[in-house]
mmCIF file of all heavy atoms, coordinates in Angstrom:
data_MODEL
# 
_entry.id   MODEL 
# 
loop_
_atom_site.group_PDB 
_atom_site.id 
_atom_site.type_symbol 
_atom_site.label_atom_id 
_atom_site.label_alt_id 
_atom_site.label_comp_id 
_atom_site.label_asym_id 
_atom_site.label_entity_id 
_atom_site.label_seq_id 
_atom_site.pdbx_PDB_ins_code 
_atom_site.Cartn_x 
_atom_site.Cartn_y 
_atom_site.Cartn_z 
_atom_site.occupancy 
_atom_site.B_iso_or_equiv 
_atom_site.pdbx_formal_charge 
_atom_site.auth_seq_id 
_atom_site.auth_comp_id 
_atom_site.auth_asym_id 
_atom_site.auth_atom_id 
_atom_site.pdbx_PDB_model_num 
ATOM 1   N N   . TYR A 1 1  ? -10.149 2.691  6.528   1.00 0.00 ? 1  TYR A N   1 
ATOM 2   C CA  . TYR A 1 1  ? -10.497 3.920  7.235   1.00 0.00 ? 1  TYR A CA  1 
ATOM 3   C C   . TYR A 1 1  ? -9.160  4.702  7.640   1.00 0.00 ? 1  TYR A C   1 
ATOM 4   O O   . TYR A 1 1  ? -9.028  5.927  7.191   1.00 0.00 ? 1  TYR A O   1 
ATOM 5   C CB  . TYR A 1 1  ? -11.195 3.603  8.504   1.00 0.00 ? 1  TYR A CB  1 
ATOM 6   C CG  . TYR A 1 1  ? -11.690 4.664  9.460   1.00 0.00 ? 1  TYR A CG  1 
ATOM 7   C CD1 . TYR A 1 1  ? -12.421 5.662  8.917   1.00 0.00 ? 1  TYR A CD1 1 
ATOM 8   C CD2 . TYR A 1 1  ? -11.339 4.664  10.866  1.00 0.00 ? 1  TYR A CD2 1 
ATOM 9   C CE1 . TYR A 1 1  ? -12.775 6.808  9.711   1.00 0.00 ? 1  TYR A CE1 1 
ATOM 10  C CE2 . TYR A 1 1  ? -11.748 5.654  11.661  1.00 0.00 ? 1  TYR A CE2 1 
ATOM 11  C CZ  . TYR A 1 1  ? -12.415 6.671  11.129  1.00 0.00 ? 1  TYR A CZ  1 
ATOM 12  O OH  . TYR A 1 1  ? -12.936 7.730  11.984  1.00 0.00 ? 1  TYR A OH  1 
ATOM 13  N N   . THR A 1 2  ? -8.235  4.074  8.325   1.00 0.00 ? 2  THR A N   1 
ATOM 14  C CA  . THR A 1 2  ? -6.967  4.702  8.646   1.00 0.00 ? 2  THR A CA  1 
ATOM 15  C C   . THR A 1 2  ? -5.873  3.746  8.080   1.00 0.00 ? 2  THR A C   1 
ATOM 16  O O   . THR A 1 2  ? -6.067  2.522  7.932   1.00 0.00 ? 2  THR A O   1 
ATOM 17  C CB  . THR A 1 2  ? -6.708  4.969  10.057  1.00 0.00 ? 2  THR A CB  1 
ATOM 18  O OG1 . THR A 1 2  ? -6.859  3.688  10.849  1.00 0.00 ? 2  THR A OG1 1 
ATOM 19  C CG2 . THR A 1 2  ? -7.774  5.789  10.594  1.00 0.00 ? 2  THR A CG2 1 
ATOM 20  N N   . PHE A 1 3  ? -4.741  4.342  7.858   1.00 0.00 ? 3  PHE A N   1 
ATOM 21  C CA  . PHE A 1 3  ? -3.486  3.494  7.346   1.00 0.00 ? 3  PHE A CA  1 
ATOM 22  C C   . PHE A 1 3  ? -2.282  4.135  7.941   1.00 0.00 ? 3  PHE A C   1 
ATOM 23  O O   . PHE A 1 3  ? -1.910  5.232  7.792   1.00 0.00 ? 3  PHE A O   1 
ATOM 24  C CB  . PHE A 1 3  ? -3.431  3.628  5.898   1.00 0.00 ? 3  PHE A CB  1 
ATOM 25  C CG  . PHE A 1 3  ? -2.403  2.733  5.232   1.00 0.00 ? 3  PHE A CG  1 
ATOM 26  C CD1 . PHE A 1 3  ? -2.759  1.579  4.636   1.00 0.00 ? 3  PHE A CD1 1 
ATOM 27  C CD2 . PHE A 1 3  ? -1.085  3.093  5.406   1.00 0.00 ? 3  PHE A CD2 1 
ATOM 28  C CE1 . PHE A 1 3  ? -1.793  0.728  4.060   1.00 0.00 ? 3  PHE A CE1 1 
ATOM 29  C CE2 . PHE A 1 3  ? -0.065  2.337  4.790   1.00 0.00 ? 3  PHE A CE2 1 
ATOM 30  C CZ  . PHE A 1 3  ? -0.487  1.150  4.167   1.00 0.00 ? 3  PHE A CZ  1 
ATOM 31  N N   . THR A 1 4  ? -1.613  3.293  8.817   1.00 0.00 ? 4  THR A N   1 
ATOM 32  C CA  . THR A 1 4  ? -0.288  3.699  9.502   1.00 0.00 ? 4  THR A CA  1 
ATOM 33  C C   . THR A 1 4  ? 0.674   2.559  9.440   1.00 0.00 ? 4  THR A C   1 
ATOM 34  O O   . THR A 1 4  ? 1.786   2.802  9.862   1.00 0.00 ? 4  THR A O   1 
ATOM 35  C CB  . THR A 1 4  ? -0.502  4.214  10.880  1.00 0.00 ? 4  THR A CB  1 
ATOM 36  O OG1 . THR A 1 4  ? -1.021  3.113  11.571  1.00 0.00 ? 4  THR A OG1 1 
ATOM 37  C CG2 . THR A 1 4  ? -1.522  5.360  10.942  1.00 0.00 ? 4  THR A CG2 1 
ATOM 38  N N   . SER A 1 5  ? 0.369   1.378  9.001   1.00 0.00 ? 5  SER A N   1 
ATOM 39  C CA  . SER A 1 5  ? 1.284   0.175  9.095   1.00 0.00 ? 5  SER A CA  1 
ATOM 40  C C   . SER A 1 5  ? 2.415   0.341  8.147   1.00 0.00 ? 5  SER A C   1 
ATOM 41  O O   . SER A 1 5  ? 2.249   0.226  6.886   1.00 0.00 ? 5  SER A O   1 
ATOM 42  C CB  . SER A 1 5  ? 0.414   -1.050 8.809   1.00 0.00 ? 5  SER A CB  1 
ATOM 43  O OG  . SER A 1 5  ? 1.268   -2.138 8.740   1.00 0.00 ? 5  SER A OG  1 
ATOM 44  N N   . GLU A 1 6  ? 3.599   0.294  8.705   1.00 0.00 ? 6  GLU A N   1 
ATOM 45  C CA  . GLU A 1 6  ? 4.810   0.281  7.856   1.00 0.00 ? 6  GLU A CA  1 
ATOM 46  C C   . GLU A 1 6  ? 4.988   -1.040 7.226   1.00 0.00 ? 6  GLU A C   1 
ATOM 47  O O   . GLU A 1 6  ? 5.436   -1.142 6.086   1.00 0.00 ? 6  GLU A O   1 
ATOM 48  C CB  . GLU A 1 6  ? 6.102   0.591  8.732   1.00 0.00 ? 6  GLU A CB  1 
ATOM 49  C CG  . GLU A 1 6  ? 6.067   2.021  9.218   1.00 0.00 ? 6  GLU A CG  1 
ATOM 50  C CD  . GLU A 1 6  ? 6.164   3.031  8.135   1.00 0.00 ? 6  GLU A CD  1 
ATOM 51  O OE1 . GLU A 1 6  ? 6.755   2.714  7.168   1.00 0.00 ? 6  GLU A OE1 1 
ATOM 52  O OE2 . GLU A 1 6  ? 5.772   4.214  8.319   1.00 0.00 ? 6  GLU A OE2 1 
ATOM 53  N N   . ARG A 1 7  ? 4.579   -2.203 7.953   1.00 0.00 ? 7  ARG A N   1 
ATOM 54  C CA  . ARG A 1 7  ? 4.652   -3.548 7.301   1.00 0.00 ? 7  ARG A CA  1 
ATOM 55  C C   . ARG A 1 7  ? 3.838   -3.645 6.117   1.00 0.00 ? 7  ARG A C   1 
ATOM 56  O O   . ARG A 1 7  ? 4.223   -4.175 5.002   1.00 0.00 ? 7  ARG A O   1 
ATOM 57  C CB  . ARG A 1 7  ? 4.259   -4.578 8.298   1.00 0.00 ? 7  ARG A CB  1 
ATOM 58  C CG  . ARG A 1 7  ? 5.269   -4.729 9.510   1.00 0.00 ? 7  ARG A CG  1 
ATOM 59  C CD  . ARG A 1 7  ? 4.712   -5.674 10.496  1.00 0.00 ? 7  ARG A CD  1 
ATOM 60  N NE  . ARG A 1 7  ? 4.622   -7.016 10.050  1.00 0.00 ? 7  ARG A NE  1 
ATOM 61  C CZ  . ARG A 1 7  ? 3.446   -7.648 10.075  1.00 0.00 ? 7  ARG A CZ  1 
ATOM 62  N NH1 . ARG A 1 7  ? 2.261   -7.054 10.311  1.00 0.00 ? 7  ARG A NH1 1 
ATOM 63  N NH2 . ARG A 1 7  ? 3.396   -8.925 9.606   1.00 0.00 ? 7  ARG A NH2 1 
ATOM 64  N N   . VAL A 1 8  ? 2.601   -3.097 6.132   1.00 0.00 ? 8  VAL A N   1 
ATOM 65  C CA  . VAL A 1 8  ? 1.680   -3.139 5.008   1.00 0.00 ? 8  VAL A CA  1 
ATOM 66  C C   . VAL A 1 8  ? 2.216   -2.241 3.904   1.00 0.00 ? 8  VAL A C   1 
ATOM 67  O O   . VAL A 1 8  ? 2.217   -2.548 2.756   1.00 0.00 ? 8  VAL A O   1 
ATOM 68  C CB  . VAL A 1 8  ? 0.237   -2.671 5.437   1.00 0.00 ? 8  VAL A CB  1 
ATOM 69  C CG1 . VAL A 1 8  ? -0.633  -2.585 4.245   1.00 0.00 ? 8  VAL A CG1 1 
ATOM 70  C CG2 . VAL A 1 8  ? -0.326  -3.713 6.426   1.00 0.00 ? 8  VAL A CG2 1 
ATOM 71  N N   . ALA A 1 9  ? 2.728   -1.111 4.340   1.00 0.00 ? 9  ALA A N   1 
ATOM 72  C CA  . ALA A 1 9  ? 3.269   -0.163 3.263   1.00 0.00 ? 9  ALA A CA  1 
ATOM 73  C C   . ALA A 1 9  ? 4.409   -0.779 2.566   1.00 0.00 ? 9  ALA A C   1 
ATOM 74  O O   . ALA A 1 9  ? 4.544   -0.742 1.331   1.00 0.00 ? 9  ALA A O   1 
ATOM 75  C CB  . ALA A 1 9  ? 3.731   1.107  4.035   1.00 0.00 ? 9  ALA A CB  1 
ATOM 76  N N   . ASP A 1 10 ? 5.238   -1.547 3.287   1.00 0.00 ? 10 ASP A N   1 
ATOM 77  C CA  . ASP A 1 10 ? 6.378   -2.215 2.565   1.00 0.00 ? 10 ASP A CA  1 
ATOM 78  C C   . ASP A 1 10 ? 5.905   -3.251 1.622   1.00 0.00 ? 10 ASP A C   1 
ATOM 79  O O   . ASP A 1 10 ? 6.402   -3.385 0.488   1.00 0.00 ? 10 ASP A O   1 
ATOM 80  C CB  . ASP A 1 10 ? 7.243   -2.921 3.736   1.00 0.00 ? 10 ASP A CB  1 
ATOM 81  C CG  . ASP A 1 10 ? 8.115   -1.962 4.560   1.00 0.00 ? 10 ASP A CG  1 
ATOM 82  O OD1 . ASP A 1 10 ? 8.228   -0.805 4.139   1.00 0.00 ? 10 ASP A OD1 1 
ATOM 83  O OD2 . ASP A 1 10 ? 8.515   -2.374 5.637   1.00 0.00 ? 10 ASP A OD2 1 
ATOM 84  N N   . ALA A 1 11 ? 4.786   -3.972 1.995   1.00 0.00 ? 11 ALA A N   1 
ATOM 85  C CA  . ALA A 1 11 ? 4.353   -5.083 1.054   1.00 0.00 ? 11 ALA A CA  1 
ATOM 86  C C   . ALA A 1 11 ? 3.745   -4.318 -0.215  1.00 0.00 ? 11 ALA A C   1 
ATOM 87  O O   . ALA A 1 11 ? 3.846   -4.915 -1.230  1.00 0.00 ? 11 ALA A O   1 
ATOM 88  C CB  . ALA A 1 11 ? 3.268   -5.881 1.833   1.00 0.00 ? 11 ALA A CB  1 
ATOM 89  N N   . LEU A 1 12 ? 3.029   -3.163 0.019   1.00 0.00 ? 12 LEU A N   1 
ATOM 90  C CA  . LEU A 1 12 ? 2.479   -2.582 -1.118  1.00 0.00 ? 12 LEU A CA  1 
ATOM 91  C C   . LEU A 1 12 ? 3.508   -1.973 -2.016  1.00 0.00 ? 12 LEU A C   1 
ATOM 92  O O   . LEU A 1 12 ? 3.423   -2.077 -3.243  1.00 0.00 ? 12 LEU A O   1 
ATOM 93  C CB  . LEU A 1 12 ? 1.496   -1.474 -0.704  1.00 0.00 ? 12 LEU A CB  1 
ATOM 94  C CG  . LEU A 1 12 ? 0.309   -1.937 0.129   1.00 0.00 ? 12 LEU A CG  1 
ATOM 95  C CD1 . LEU A 1 12 ? -0.606  -0.695 0.471   1.00 0.00 ? 12 LEU A CD1 1 
ATOM 96  C CD2 . LEU A 1 12 ? -0.533  -2.919 -0.589  1.00 0.00 ? 12 LEU A CD2 1 
ATOM 97  N N   . ILE A 1 13 ? 4.537   -1.388 -1.450  1.00 0.00 ? 13 ILE A N   1 
ATOM 98  C CA  . ILE A 1 13 ? 5.611   -0.830 -2.369  1.00 0.00 ? 13 ILE A CA  1 
ATOM 99  C C   . ILE A 1 13 ? 6.381   -1.945 -3.018  1.00 0.00 ? 13 ILE A C   1 
ATOM 100 O O   . ILE A 1 13 ? 6.657   -1.838 -4.262  1.00 0.00 ? 13 ILE A O   1 
ATOM 101 C CB  . ILE A 1 13 ? 6.549   0.033  -1.497  1.00 0.00 ? 13 ILE A CB  1 
ATOM 102 C CG1 . ILE A 1 13 ? 5.854   1.294  -0.954  1.00 0.00 ? 13 ILE A CG1 1 
ATOM 103 C CG2 . ILE A 1 13 ? 7.761   0.449  -2.178  1.00 0.00 ? 13 ILE A CG2 1 
ATOM 104 C CD1 . ILE A 1 13 ? 6.542   2.119  0.125   1.00 0.00 ? 13 ILE A CD1 1 
ATOM 105 N N   . ALA A 1 14 ? 6.569   -3.052 -2.363  1.00 0.00 ? 14 ALA A N   1 
ATOM 106 C CA  . ALA A 1 14 ? 7.282   -4.104 -2.978  1.00 0.00 ? 14 ALA A CA  1 
ATOM 107 C C   . ALA A 1 14 ? 6.356   -4.667 -4.218  1.00 0.00 ? 14 ALA A C   1 
ATOM 108 O O   . ALA A 1 14 ? 6.881   -5.032 -5.297  1.00 0.00 ? 14 ALA A O   1 
ATOM 109 C CB  . ALA A 1 14 ? 7.571   -5.247 -2.075  1.00 0.00 ? 14 ALA A CB  1 
ATOM 110 N N   . ALA A 1 15 ? 5.152   -4.741 -4.032  1.00 0.00 ? 15 ALA A N   1 
ATOM 111 C CA  . ALA A 1 15 ? 4.240   -5.149 -5.009  1.00 0.00 ? 15 ALA A CA  1 
ATOM 112 C C   . ALA A 1 15 ? 4.244   -4.163 -6.289  1.00 0.00 ? 15 ALA A C   1 
ATOM 113 O O   . ALA A 1 15 ? 4.295   -4.608 -7.327  1.00 0.00 ? 15 ALA A O   1 
ATOM 114 C CB  . ALA A 1 15 ? 2.807   -5.303 -4.475  1.00 0.00 ? 15 ALA A CB  1 
ATOM 115 N N   . GLU A 1 16 ? 4.169   -2.941 -5.978  1.00 0.00 ? 16 GLU A N   1 
ATOM 116 C CA  . GLU A 1 16 ? 4.238   -1.928 -6.994  1.00 0.00 ? 16 GLU A CA  1 
ATOM 117 C C   . GLU A 1 16 ? 5.534   -2.050 -7.775  1.00 0.00 ? 16 GLU A C   1 
ATOM 118 O O   . GLU A 1 16 ? 5.627   -1.998 -9.045  1.00 0.00 ? 16 GLU A O   1 
ATOM 119 C CB  . GLU A 1 16 ? 4.174   -0.496 -6.388  1.00 0.00 ? 16 GLU A CB  1 
ATOM 120 C CG  . GLU A 1 16 ? 4.421   0.608  -7.389  1.00 0.00 ? 16 GLU A CG  1 
ATOM 121 C CD  . GLU A 1 16 ? 3.134   0.798  -8.299  1.00 0.00 ? 16 GLU A CD  1 
ATOM 122 O OE1 . GLU A 1 16 ? 1.996   0.382  -7.868  1.00 0.00 ? 16 GLU A OE1 1 
ATOM 123 O OE2 . GLU A 1 16 ? 3.381   1.376  -9.364  1.00 0.00 ? 16 GLU A OE2 1 
ATOM 124 N N   . ARG A 1 17 ? 6.692   -2.262 -7.189  1.00 0.00 ? 17 ARG A N   1 
ATOM 125 C CA  . ARG A 1 17 ? 7.904   -2.439 -7.838  1.00 0.00 ? 17 ARG A CA  1 
ATOM 126 C C   . ARG A 1 17 ? 7.984   -3.689 -8.773  1.00 0.00 ? 17 ARG A C   1 
ATOM 127 O O   . ARG A 1 17 ? 8.906   -3.617 -9.722  1.00 0.00 ? 17 ARG A O   1 
ATOM 128 C CB  . ARG A 1 17 ? 9.021   -2.455 -6.803  1.00 0.00 ? 17 ARG A CB  1 
ATOM 129 C CG  . ARG A 1 17 ? 9.264   -1.042 -6.233  1.00 0.00 ? 17 ARG A CG  1 
ATOM 130 C CD  . ARG A 1 17 ? 10.253  -1.161 -5.068  1.00 0.00 ? 17 ARG A CD  1 
ATOM 131 N NE  . ARG A 1 17 ? 10.496  0.227  -4.519  1.00 0.00 ? 17 ARG A NE  1 
ATOM 132 C CZ  . ARG A 1 17 ? 11.145  0.542  -3.375  1.00 0.00 ? 17 ARG A CZ  1 
ATOM 133 N NH1 . ARG A 1 17 ? 11.592  -0.468 -2.692  1.00 0.00 ? 17 ARG A NH1 1 
ATOM 134 N NH2 . ARG A 1 17 ? 11.278  1.833  -2.890  1.00 0.00 ? 17 ARG A NH2 1 
ATOM 135 N N   . ARG A 1 18 ? 7.190   -4.748 -8.448  1.00 0.00 ? 18 ARG A N   1 
ATOM 136 C CA  . ARG A 1 18 ? 7.247   -5.896 -9.292  1.00 0.00 ? 18 ARG A CA  1 
ATOM 137 C C   . ARG A 1 18 ? 6.190   -5.918 -10.333 1.00 0.00 ? 18 ARG A C   1 
ATOM 138 O O   . ARG A 1 18 ? 5.957   -6.907 -10.959 1.00 0.00 ? 18 ARG A O   1 
ATOM 139 C CB  . ARG A 1 18 ? 7.346   -7.219 -8.403  1.00 0.00 ? 18 ARG A CB  1 
ATOM 140 C CG  . ARG A 1 18 ? 6.042   -7.439 -7.690  1.00 0.00 ? 18 ARG A CG  1 
ATOM 141 C CD  . ARG A 1 18 ? 6.185   -8.829 -6.930  1.00 0.00 ? 18 ARG A CD  1 
ATOM 142 N NE  . ARG A 1 18 ? 4.998   -9.171 -6.154  1.00 0.00 ? 18 ARG A NE  1 
ATOM 143 C CZ  . ARG A 1 18 ? 4.814   -8.712 -4.877  1.00 0.00 ? 18 ARG A CZ  1 
ATOM 144 N NH1 . ARG A 1 18 ? 5.717   -8.114 -4.189  1.00 0.00 ? 18 ARG A NH1 1 
ATOM 145 N NH2 . ARG A 1 18 ? 3.679   -9.046 -4.320  1.00 0.00 ? 18 ARG A NH2 1 
ATOM 146 N N   . GLY A 1 19 ? 5.535   -4.806 -10.471 1.00 0.00 ? 19 GLY A N   1 
ATOM 147 C CA  . GLY A 1 19 ? 4.588   -4.582 -11.563 1.00 0.00 ? 19 GLY A CA  1 
ATOM 148 C C   . GLY A 1 19 ? 3.150   -4.874 -11.270 1.00 0.00 ? 19 GLY A C   1 
ATOM 149 O O   . GLY A 1 19 ? 2.316   -4.847 -12.117 1.00 0.00 ? 19 GLY A O   1 
ATOM 150 N N   . VAL A 1 20 ? 2.891   -5.062 -9.913  1.00 0.00 ? 20 VAL A N   1 
ATOM 151 C CA  . VAL A 1 20 ? 1.429   -5.127 -9.532  1.00 0.00 ? 20 VAL A CA  1 
ATOM 152 C C   . VAL A 1 20 ? 0.732   -3.847 -9.504  1.00 0.00 ? 20 VAL A C   1 
ATOM 153 O O   . VAL A 1 20 ? 1.406   -2.809 -9.137  1.00 0.00 ? 20 VAL A O   1 
ATOM 154 C CB  . VAL A 1 20 ? 1.443   -5.783 -8.090  1.00 0.00 ? 20 VAL A CB  1 
ATOM 155 C CG1 . VAL A 1 20 ? -0.083  -5.845 -7.621  1.00 0.00 ? 20 VAL A CG1 1 
ATOM 156 C CG2 . VAL A 1 20 ? 1.992   -7.067 -8.050  1.00 0.00 ? 20 VAL A CG2 1 
ATOM 157 N N   . ALA A 1 21 ? -0.466  -3.734 -10.002 1.00 0.00 ? 21 ALA A N   1 
ATOM 158 C CA  . ALA A 1 21 ? -1.222  -2.484 -10.017 1.00 0.00 ? 21 ALA A CA  1 
ATOM 159 C C   . ALA A 1 21 ? -1.816  -2.295 -8.560  1.00 0.00 ? 21 ALA A C   1 
ATOM 160 O O   . ALA A 1 21 ? -2.568  -3.047 -8.086  1.00 0.00 ? 21 ALA A O   1 
ATOM 161 C CB  . ALA A 1 21 ? -2.437  -2.648 -10.854 1.00 0.00 ? 21 ALA A CB  1 
ATOM 162 N N   . VAL A 1 22 ? -1.316  -1.299 -7.823  1.00 0.00 ? 22 VAL A N   1 
ATOM 163 C CA  . VAL A 1 22 ? -1.663  -1.125 -6.432  1.00 0.00 ? 22 VAL A CA  1 
ATOM 164 C C   . VAL A 1 22 ? -2.382  0.223  -6.302  1.00 0.00 ? 22 VAL A C   1 
ATOM 165 O O   . VAL A 1 22 ? -1.914  1.313  -6.678  1.00 0.00 ? 22 VAL A O   1 
ATOM 166 C CB  . VAL A 1 22 ? -0.372  -1.086 -5.588  1.00 0.00 ? 22 VAL A CB  1 
ATOM 167 C CG1 . VAL A 1 22 ? -0.848  -0.908 -4.104  1.00 0.00 ? 22 VAL A CG1 1 
ATOM 168 C CG2 . VAL A 1 22 ? 0.415   -2.361 -5.745  1.00 0.00 ? 22 VAL A CG2 1 
ATOM 169 N N   . ARG A 1 23 ? -3.518  0.197  -5.626  1.00 0.00 ? 23 ARG A N   1 
ATOM 170 C CA  . ARG A 1 23 ? -4.349  1.355  -5.402  1.00 0.00 ? 23 ARG A CA  1 
ATOM 171 C C   . ARG A 1 23 ? -4.821  1.296  -3.976  1.00 0.00 ? 23 ARG A C   1 
ATOM 172 O O   . ARG A 1 23 ? -5.091  0.318  -3.369  1.00 0.00 ? 23 ARG A O   1 
ATOM 173 C CB  . ARG A 1 23 ? -5.607  1.396  -6.268  1.00 0.00 ? 23 ARG A CB  1 
ATOM 174 C CG  . ARG A 1 23 ? -5.312  1.379  -7.746  1.00 0.00 ? 23 ARG A CG  1 
ATOM 175 C CD  . ARG A 1 23 ? -6.522  1.411  -8.551  1.00 0.00 ? 23 ARG A CD  1 
ATOM 176 N NE  . ARG A 1 23 ? -7.299  2.629  -8.431  1.00 0.00 ? 23 ARG A NE  1 
ATOM 177 C CZ  . ARG A 1 23 ? -8.528  2.868  -9.033  1.00 0.00 ? 23 ARG A CZ  1 
ATOM 178 N NH1 . ARG A 1 23 ? -9.062  1.963  -9.750  1.00 0.00 ? 23 ARG A NH1 1 
ATOM 179 N NH2 . ARG A 1 23 ? -9.132  4.011  -8.823  1.00 0.00 ? 23 ARG A NH2 1 
ATOM 180 N N   . VAL A 1 24 ? -4.849  2.479  -3.286  1.00 0.00 ? 24 VAL A N   1 
ATOM 181 C CA  . VAL A 1 24 ? -5.196  2.640  -1.820  1.00 0.00 ? 24 VAL A CA  1 
ATOM 182 C C   . VAL A 1 24 ? -6.329  3.718  -1.727  1.00 0.00 ? 24 VAL A C   1 
ATOM 183 O O   . VAL A 1 24 ? -6.182  4.710  -2.307  1.00 0.00 ? 24 VAL A O   1 
ATOM 184 C CB  . VAL A 1 24 ? -4.001  2.890  -1.043  1.00 0.00 ? 24 VAL A CB  1 
ATOM 185 C CG1 . VAL A 1 24 ? -4.389  3.282  0.391   1.00 0.00 ? 24 VAL A CG1 1 
ATOM 186 C CG2 . VAL A 1 24 ? -3.013  1.781  -1.048  1.00 0.00 ? 24 VAL A CG2 1 
ATOM 187 N N   . LEU A 1 25 ? -7.290  3.395  -0.928  1.00 0.00 ? 25 LEU A N   1 
ATOM 188 C CA  . LEU A 1 25 ? -8.343  4.372  -0.641  1.00 0.00 ? 25 LEU A CA  1 
ATOM 189 C C   . LEU A 1 25 ? -8.678  4.447  0.770   1.00 0.00 ? 25 LEU A C   1 
ATOM 190 O O   . LEU A 1 25 ? -9.034  3.374  1.336   1.00 0.00 ? 25 LEU A O   1 
ATOM 191 C CB  . LEU A 1 25 ? -9.638  4.051  -1.417  1.00 0.00 ? 25 LEU A CB  1 
ATOM 192 C CG  . LEU A 1 25 ? -10.797 5.060  -1.272  1.00 0.00 ? 25 LEU A CG  1 
ATOM 193 C CD1 . LEU A 1 25 ? -10.508 6.374  -1.762  1.00 0.00 ? 25 LEU A CD1 1 
ATOM 194 C CD2 . LEU A 1 25 ? -12.045 4.467  -1.979  1.00 0.00 ? 25 LEU A CD2 1 
ATOM 195 N N   . VAL A 1 26 ? -8.473  5.531  1.454   1.00 0.00 ? 26 VAL A N   1 
ATOM 196 C CA  . VAL A 1 26 ? -8.834  5.586  2.984   1.00 0.00 ? 26 VAL A CA  1 
ATOM 197 C C   . VAL A 1 26 ? -9.543  6.979  3.205   1.00 0.00 ? 26 VAL A C   1 
ATOM 198 O O   . VAL A 1 26 ? -9.761  7.729  2.218   1.00 0.00 ? 26 VAL A O   1 
ATOM 199 C CB  . VAL A 1 26 ? -7.461  5.690  3.746   1.00 0.00 ? 26 VAL A CB  1 
ATOM 200 C CG1 . VAL A 1 26 ? -6.718  4.326  3.572   1.00 0.00 ? 26 VAL A CG1 1 
ATOM 201 C CG2 . VAL A 1 26 ? -6.572  6.918  3.323   1.00 0.00 ? 26 VAL A CG2 1 
ATOM 202 N N   . ASP A 1 27 ? -10.084 7.012  4.362   1.00 0.00 ? 27 ASP A N   1 
ATOM 203 C CA  . ASP A 1 27 ? -10.822 8.286  4.717   1.00 0.00 ? 27 ASP A CA  1 
ATOM 204 C C   . ASP A 1 27 ? -9.987  9.438  4.846   1.00 0.00 ? 27 ASP A C   1 
ATOM 205 O O   . ASP A 1 27 ? -8.802  9.355  5.228   1.00 0.00 ? 27 ASP A O   1 
ATOM 206 C CB  . ASP A 1 27 ? -11.519 7.964  6.072   1.00 0.00 ? 27 ASP A CB  1 
ATOM 207 C CG  . ASP A 1 27 ? -12.645 9.067  6.276   1.00 0.00 ? 27 ASP A CG  1 
ATOM 208 O OD1 . ASP A 1 27 ? -13.729 9.002  5.662   1.00 0.00 ? 27 ASP A OD1 1 
ATOM 209 O OD2 . ASP A 1 27 ? -12.402 10.003 7.126   1.00 0.00 ? 27 ASP A OD2 1 
ATOM 210 N N   . ALA A 1 28 ? -10.554 10.618 4.416   1.00 0.00 ? 28 ALA A N   1 
ATOM 211 C CA  . ALA A 1 28 ? -9.779  11.884 4.434   1.00 0.00 ? 28 ALA A CA  1 
ATOM 212 C C   . ALA A 1 28 ? -9.621  12.375 5.842   1.00 0.00 ? 28 ALA A C   1 
ATOM 213 O O   . ALA A 1 28 ? -8.545  12.923 6.238   1.00 0.00 ? 28 ALA A O   1 
ATOM 214 C CB  . ALA A 1 28 ? -10.444 12.919 3.577   1.00 0.00 ? 28 ALA A CB  1 
# 
């Protein structure tokens, strides 16, 4: 629904950098 967590953002970015397919969908 909402997304503001820097810790979660760090984990997602790290995953993207190691080749994981990362997609995010939140409410507009």
